[in-house]
Amino acid sequence: MMYAKPLIFTACLIPLAALLYQAVTGNLGADAGKALVLQTGEWSFRFLLLSLAVTPLRQLTKKSVILRYRRMLGLYTWFYASLHLMAVLTYLLGWSWAIFVEEFSERPYMALGIIAWTLMVPLVLTSNQWAQRKLGRRWKTLHQLVYATGVLACAHFIWLVRSDYGEALIYSSILLILLSVRLIKKYRSVVARRPTRAL
């Protein structure tokens, strides 16, 4: 297990390496900029789903060691989301404030994406053990923002799709399952804490 973390860290960089290779070799298609925007966005969503899947997987396997990789997956989620945002600003908006305002008003799904990225910022800044100790119980409450981030990212993805909703529906279904598992567990814990009435 001592090599698991470096291997997972390296594996998480494979999508970026593949994108760079495709860009250098000219295999991103006719609109390379758009391809980078779409693929970085998709990988960000995939890593978000992977990070959300860690806790249910730990509960299913009873192996707490899995939790060691949740923070790494969360940081990679933000990393690819940041690449996605940079690609949008570079290839779609050309770093033009006028174009940004115009696109922002005409394409509301952009607002959802930006809000989702913004919500991840405090999660990234407090992902270290020092912040966890300082915040105490508030740390867990703060990091529940990841659920809102998932819903916003999902809505952002579905909204921008114009024809083929298959992939978006698959991701949405996975997110729904992951959030439902948490809601069911929360409901059961609340019910278990209720005092039983004597007959």
Protein backbone atom coordinates (compact mmCIF):
# COMPACT_ATOMS: atom_id res chain seq x y z
CA MET A 1 0.00 0.00 0.00
CA MET A 2 2.99 2.33 0.37
CA TYR A 3 3.08 2.87 -3.39
CA ALA A 4 -0.67 3.30 -3.80
CA LYS A 5 -0.73 7.05 -3.24
CA PRO A 6 2.06 7.90 -5.74
CA LEU A 7 0.47 5.58 -8.29
CA ILE A 8 -2.96 7.20 -7.89
CA PHE A 9 -1.36 10.66 -8.03
CA THR A 10 0.36 9.76 -11.30
CA ALA A 11 -2.75 8.11 -12.73
CA CYS A 12 -4.73 11.31 -12.11
CA LEU A 13 -2.30 13.15 -14.40
CA ILE A 14 -2.85 10.77 -17.31
CA PRO A 15 -5.86 12.72 -18.70
CA LEU A 16 -3.77 15.90 -18.76
CA ALA A 17 -0.87 14.10 -20.43
CA ALA A 18 -3.27 12.69 -23.04
CA LEU A 19 -4.70 16.15 -23.74
CA LEU A 20 -1.23 17.65 -24.10
CA TYR A 21 -0.19 14.86 -26.44
CA GLN A 22 -3.30 15.34 -28.58
CA ALA A 23 -2.69 19.10 -28.67
CA VAL A 24 0.94 18.72 -29.73
CA THR A 25 0.14 16.11 -32.39
CA GLY A 26 -2.89 18.02 -33.67
CA ASN A 27 -5.39 15.29 -32.79
CA LEU A 28 -7.93 17.45 -30.97
CA GLY A 29 -10.03 17.96 -34.07
CA ALA A 30 -10.88 21.02 -36.15
CA ASP A 31 -11.67 23.15 -33.08
CA ALA A 32 -8.89 22.31 -30.63
CA GLY A 33 -9.88 25.04 -28.19
CA LYS A 34 -13.44 23.78 -27.87
CA ALA A 35 -12.17 20.22 -27.44
CA LEU A 36 -9.95 21.34 -24.56
CA VAL A 37 -12.86 23.14 -22.94
CA LEU A 38 -15.13 20.11 -23.16
CA GLN A 39 -12.59 17.49 -22.12
CA THR A 40 -11.21 19.40 -19.12
CA GLY A 41 -14.78 20.02 -17.97
CA GLU A 42 -15.69 16.35 -18.30
CA TRP A 43 -12.60 15.22 -16.42
CA SER A 44 -13.34 17.65 -13.63
CA PHE A 45 -16.83 16.18 -13.28
CA ARG A 46 -15.46 12.64 -13.36
CA PHE A 47 -13.00 13.38 -10.57
CA LEU A 48 -15.79 15.00 -8.57
CA LEU A 49 -17.84 11.82 -8.87
CA LEU A 50 -14.81 9.72 -7.89
CA SER A 51 -14.21 11.84 -4.79
CA LEU A 52 -17.88 11.53 -3.80
CA ALA A 53 -17.71 7.77 -4.32
CA VAL A 54 -14.92 7.30 -1.76
CA THR A 55 -17.12 7.38 1.35
CA PRO A 56 -19.79 4.94 0.06
CA LEU A 57 -17.01 2.66 -1.16
CA ARG A 58 -15.40 2.73 2.27
CA GLN A 59 -18.72 1.89 3.90
CA LEU A 60 -19.24 -0.95 1.45
CA THR A 61 -15.76 -2.47 1.75
CA LYS A 62 -15.20 -1.59 5.44
CA LYS A 63 -11.68 -0.46 4.48
CA SER A 64 -10.94 2.95 5.98
CA VAL A 65 -7.64 3.18 4.06
CA ILE A 66 -9.67 4.30 1.03
CA LEU A 67 -10.34 7.62 2.75
CA ARG A 68 -6.66 8.52 2.36
CA TYR A 69 -7.23 9.24 -1.32
CA ARG A 70 -10.37 11.39 -1.03
CA ARG A 71 -8.49 14.66 -0.54
CA MET A 72 -6.24 13.96 -3.52
CA LEU A 73 -9.24 13.28 -5.76
CA GLY A 74 -10.91 16.44 -4.51
CA LEU A 75 -7.84 18.53 -5.30
CA TYR A 76 -7.64 17.02 -8.77
CA THR A 77 -11.30 17.90 -9.25
CA TRP A 78 -10.48 21.55 -8.65
CA PHE A 79 -7.30 21.28 -10.74
CA TYR A 80 -9.18 20.08 -13.83
CA ALA A 81 -12.02 22.53 -13.13
CA SER A 82 -9.44 25.33 -13.10
CA LEU A 83 -7.99 24.09 -16.39
CA HIS A 84 -11.55 24.06 -17.74
CA LEU A 85 -12.10 27.66 -16.62
CA MET A 86 -8.78 28.75 -18.12
CA ALA A 87 -9.65 27.05 -21.40
CA VAL A 88 -13.02 28.85 -21.48
CA LEU A 89 -11.40 32.22 -20.78
CA THR A 90 -8.68 31.61 -23.38
CA TYR A 91 -10.39 29.86 -26.28
CA LEU A 92 -14.03 30.93 -25.99
CA LEU A 93 -13.82 34.39 -24.48
CA GLY A 94 -10.34 35.49 -25.51
CA TRP A 95 -9.93 37.14 -22.09
CA SER A 96 -12.35 39.84 -23.21
CA TRP A 97 -14.57 41.35 -20.51
CA ALA A 98 -17.11 42.50 -23.11
CA ILE A 99 -17.42 39.00 -24.57
CA PHE A 100 -17.62 37.54 -21.06
CA VAL A 101 -20.56 39.78 -20.12
CA GLU A 102 -22.32 39.00 -23.40
CA GLU A 103 -21.82 35.25 -23.10
CA PHE A 104 -22.69 35.31 -19.41
CA SER A 105 -26.06 36.90 -20.14
CA GLU A 106 -26.84 34.68 -23.14
CA ARG A 107 -25.65 31.39 -21.60
CA PRO A 108 -26.77 31.13 -17.95
CA TYR A 109 -25.12 27.71 -17.62
CA MET A 110 -21.81 29.57 -17.50
CA ALA A 111 -22.94 31.13 -14.23
CA LEU A 112 -23.59 27.67 -12.78
CA GLY A 113 -20.11 26.53 -13.76
CA ILE A 114 -18.43 29.59 -12.25
CA ILE A 115 -20.42 29.27 -9.02
CA ALA A 116 -19.47 25.58 -8.81
CA TRP A 117 -15.79 26.46 -9.26
CA THR A 118 -16.02 29.23 -6.66
CA LEU A 119 -17.59 26.89 -4.10
CA MET A 120 -14.61 24.59 -4.47
CA VAL A 121 -12.10 27.31 -3.56
CA PRO A 122 -12.76 27.25 0.24
CA LEU A 123 -12.72 23.45 0.11
CA VAL A 124 -9.27 23.48 -1.48
CA LEU A 125 -7.93 26.11 0.94
CA THR A 126 -9.14 24.08 3.95
CA SER A 127 -8.21 20.63 2.65
CA ASN A 128 -5.15 20.43 4.92
CA GLN A 129 -5.01 18.96 8.42
CA TRP A 130 -4.17 22.34 10.00
CA ALA A 131 -7.47 23.82 8.73
CA GLN A 132 -9.32 20.70 9.84
CA ARG A 133 -8.00 21.10 13.39
CA LYS A 134 -8.70 24.83 13.46
CA LEU A 135 -12.25 24.59 12.16
CA GLY A 136 -13.22 21.56 14.21
CA ARG A 137 -16.82 20.57 13.61
CA ARG A 138 -17.28 23.49 11.22
CA TRP A 139 -14.82 21.83 8.83
CA LYS A 140 -17.26 19.02 8.08
CA THR A 141 -20.12 21.50 7.63
CA LEU A 142 -18.03 23.60 5.26
CA HIS A 143 -17.03 20.60 3.16
CA GLN A 144 -20.65 19.70 2.61
CA LEU A 145 -20.46 22.40 -0.05
CA VAL A 146 -19.17 19.63 -2.29
CA TYR A 147 -22.74 18.36 -2.62
CA ALA A 148 -23.95 21.74 -3.90
CA THR A 149 -20.93 21.82 -6.20
CA GLY A 150 -21.93 18.44 -7.63
CA VAL A 151 -25.51 19.55 -8.29
CA LEU A 152 -24.39 22.80 -9.94
CA ALA A 153 -21.79 21.01 -12.07
CA CYS A 154 -24.39 18.48 -13.14
CA ALA A 155 -26.88 21.21 -14.09
CA HIS A 156 -24.10 23.06 -15.93
CA PHE A 157 -23.25 19.92 -17.92
CA ILE A 158 -26.85 19.08 -18.80
CA TRP A 159 -27.70 22.66 -19.77
CA LEU A 160 -24.84 23.05 -22.25
CA VAL A 161 -25.59 19.76 -24.03
CA ARG A 162 -27.48 20.45 -27.25
CA SER A 163 -28.32 17.04 -28.68
CA ASP A 164 -26.88 13.85 -27.15
CA TYR A 165 -27.89 13.72 -23.49
CA GLY A 166 -26.68 10.14 -22.97
CA GLU A 167 -23.39 10.93 -21.23
CA ALA A 168 -24.93 13.73 -19.17
CA LEU A 169 -27.67 11.40 -17.96
CA ILE A 170 -25.14 8.73 -16.97
CA TYR A 171 -23.17 11.22 -14.88
CA SER A 172 -26.38 12.63 -13.41
CA SER A 173 -27.56 9.16 -12.44
CA ILE A 174 -24.24 8.41 -10.73
CA LEU A 175 -24.43 11.69 -8.82
CA LEU A 176 -28.02 10.98 -7.80
CA ILE A 177 -27.04 7.56 -6.47
CA LEU A 178 -24.06 8.95 -4.52
CA LEU A 179 -26.16 11.70 -2.94
CA SER A 180 -29.06 9.35 -2.24
CA VAL A 181 -26.77 6.98 -0.33
CA ARG A 182 -25.78 9.85 1.93
CA LEU A 183 -29.36 11.00 2.45
CA ILE A 184 -30.46 7.48 3.36
CA LYS A 185 -27.58 7.12 5.84
CA LYS A 186 -28.42 10.52 7.35
CA TYR A 187 -32.09 9.59 7.68
CA ARG A 188 -31.27 6.29 9.38
CA SER A 189 -28.94 7.98 11.86
CA VAL A 190 -31.63 10.53 12.74
CA VAL A 191 -34.21 7.77 13.24
CA ALA A 192 -31.77 5.77 15.36
CA ARG A 193 -31.22 8.75 17.68
CA ARG A 194 -34.92 9.26 18.31
CA PRO A 195 -35.95 8.15 21.81
CA THR A 196 -38.21 5.10 21.82
CA ARG A 197 -41.49 5.49 23.62
CA ALA A 198 -42.35 2.96 26.29
CA LEU A 199 -45.60 1.12 25.71
